[in-house]
Protein backbone atom coordinates (compact mmCIF):
# COMPACT_ATOMS: atom_id res chain seq x y z
CA MET A 1 0.00 0.00 0.00
CA GLN A 2 1.11 3.55 -0.65
CA ILE A 3 -0.17 6.74 0.94
CA THR A 4 0.06 10.38 -0.02
CA VAL A 5 -0.13 12.90 2.83
CA LYS A 6 -0.11 16.66 3.37
CA SER A 7 0.88 18.40 6.56
CA THR A 8 -1.61 20.25 8.76
CA LYS A 9 -0.91 22.59 11.67
CA GLU A 10 -2.78 20.33 14.08
CA ILE A 11 -0.75 18.72 16.85
CA VAL A 12 -2.17 16.00 19.11
CA HIS A 13 -0.48 13.91 21.78
CA ILE A 14 -0.19 10.18 21.29
CA ASN A 15 1.26 8.15 24.16
CA GLY A 16 2.53 11.41 25.64
CA ALA A 17 4.42 12.52 22.51
CA PRO A 18 3.37 15.40 20.26
CA ALA A 19 2.33 14.22 16.79
CA ARG A 20 1.47 16.37 13.79
CA ALA A 21 -1.65 15.31 11.89
CA TRP A 22 -1.10 14.73 8.18
CA VAL A 23 -4.14 14.14 5.96
CA GLY A 24 -4.23 12.25 2.71
CA SER A 25 -5.32 9.05 1.05
CA THR A 26 -4.22 5.55 0.20
CA SER A 27 -3.39 4.52 -3.35
CA GLU A 28 -6.92 3.08 -3.46
CA GLY A 29 -8.44 6.45 -2.50
CA ALA A 30 -9.39 5.86 1.15
CA PRO A 31 -9.00 9.07 3.19
CA ILE A 32 -6.55 8.83 6.09
CA VAL A 33 -4.99 10.82 8.89
CA ALA A 34 -1.38 9.96 9.78
CA TYR A 35 0.03 11.12 13.12
CA ILE A 36 3.76 11.63 12.67
CA THR A 37 5.91 12.25 15.71
CA CYS A 38 9.28 12.71 14.01
CA ILE A 39 10.67 13.64 10.61
CA GLN A 40 14.42 13.38 10.20
CA VAL A 41 16.59 14.49 7.32
CA GLU A 42 19.97 12.95 6.59
CA ALA A 43 22.96 14.46 8.39
CA GLY A 44 24.31 17.51 6.59
CA VAL A 45 21.16 18.12 4.54
CA GLU A 46 19.80 21.67 4.75
CA CYS A 47 16.31 21.49 6.27
CA ALA A 48 15.27 25.17 6.37
CA GLU A 49 12.83 24.60 3.48
CA LEU A 50 11.26 21.62 5.29
CA ASP A 51 10.90 23.71 8.46
CA ARG A 52 9.27 26.50 6.44
CA GLU A 53 6.87 24.11 4.69
CA LEU A 54 5.79 22.57 8.00
CA THR A 55 4.73 26.00 9.27
CA GLU A 56 2.66 26.95 6.19
CA LYS A 57 -1.11 27.20 6.41
CA SER A 58 -3.20 24.17 7.26
CA ILE A 59 -4.47 21.87 4.51
CA PRO A 60 -8.22 21.03 4.56
CA ALA A 61 -8.97 17.40 5.35
CA PRO A 62 -11.43 15.11 3.53
CA ALA A 63 -14.59 14.53 5.60
CA GLN A 64 -13.75 11.00 6.79
CA ALA A 65 -10.18 11.96 7.66
CA GLU A 66 -11.47 15.02 9.52
CA GLN A 67 -13.73 12.77 11.64
CA LEU A 68 -10.74 10.59 12.57
CA HIS A 69 -8.74 13.68 13.45
CA GLU A 70 -11.52 15.17 15.59
CA GLN A 71 -11.70 11.90 17.52
CA ALA A 72 -7.94 11.97 18.13
CA LYS A 73 -8.17 15.58 19.38
CA LYS A 74 -10.98 14.59 21.80
CA GLU A 75 -8.92 11.67 23.08
CA THR A 76 -5.92 13.98 23.55
CA ALA A 77 -8.04 16.49 25.49
CA ALA A 78 -9.48 13.73 27.69
CA ALA A 79 -6.03 12.30 28.40
CA ASN A 80 -4.73 15.76 29.36
CA ALA A 81 -7.72 16.56 31.61
């Protein structure tokens, strides 16, 4: 399976670690939300452009992916309460 994802500005906490929500779809077209806790570039590679891209405006999520993300945000809020 392959997925294509786009970064959002939303951060949730999963198992105590901050994770950025990325929205996208599988190669078959199913909408997904991926929660990524770390992105690493190879040593010596300039990452200023990556940093800049990660702070750009939020990407709208497909409806099903948005529902998954809203559930994760609720679970994060409940865990932090």
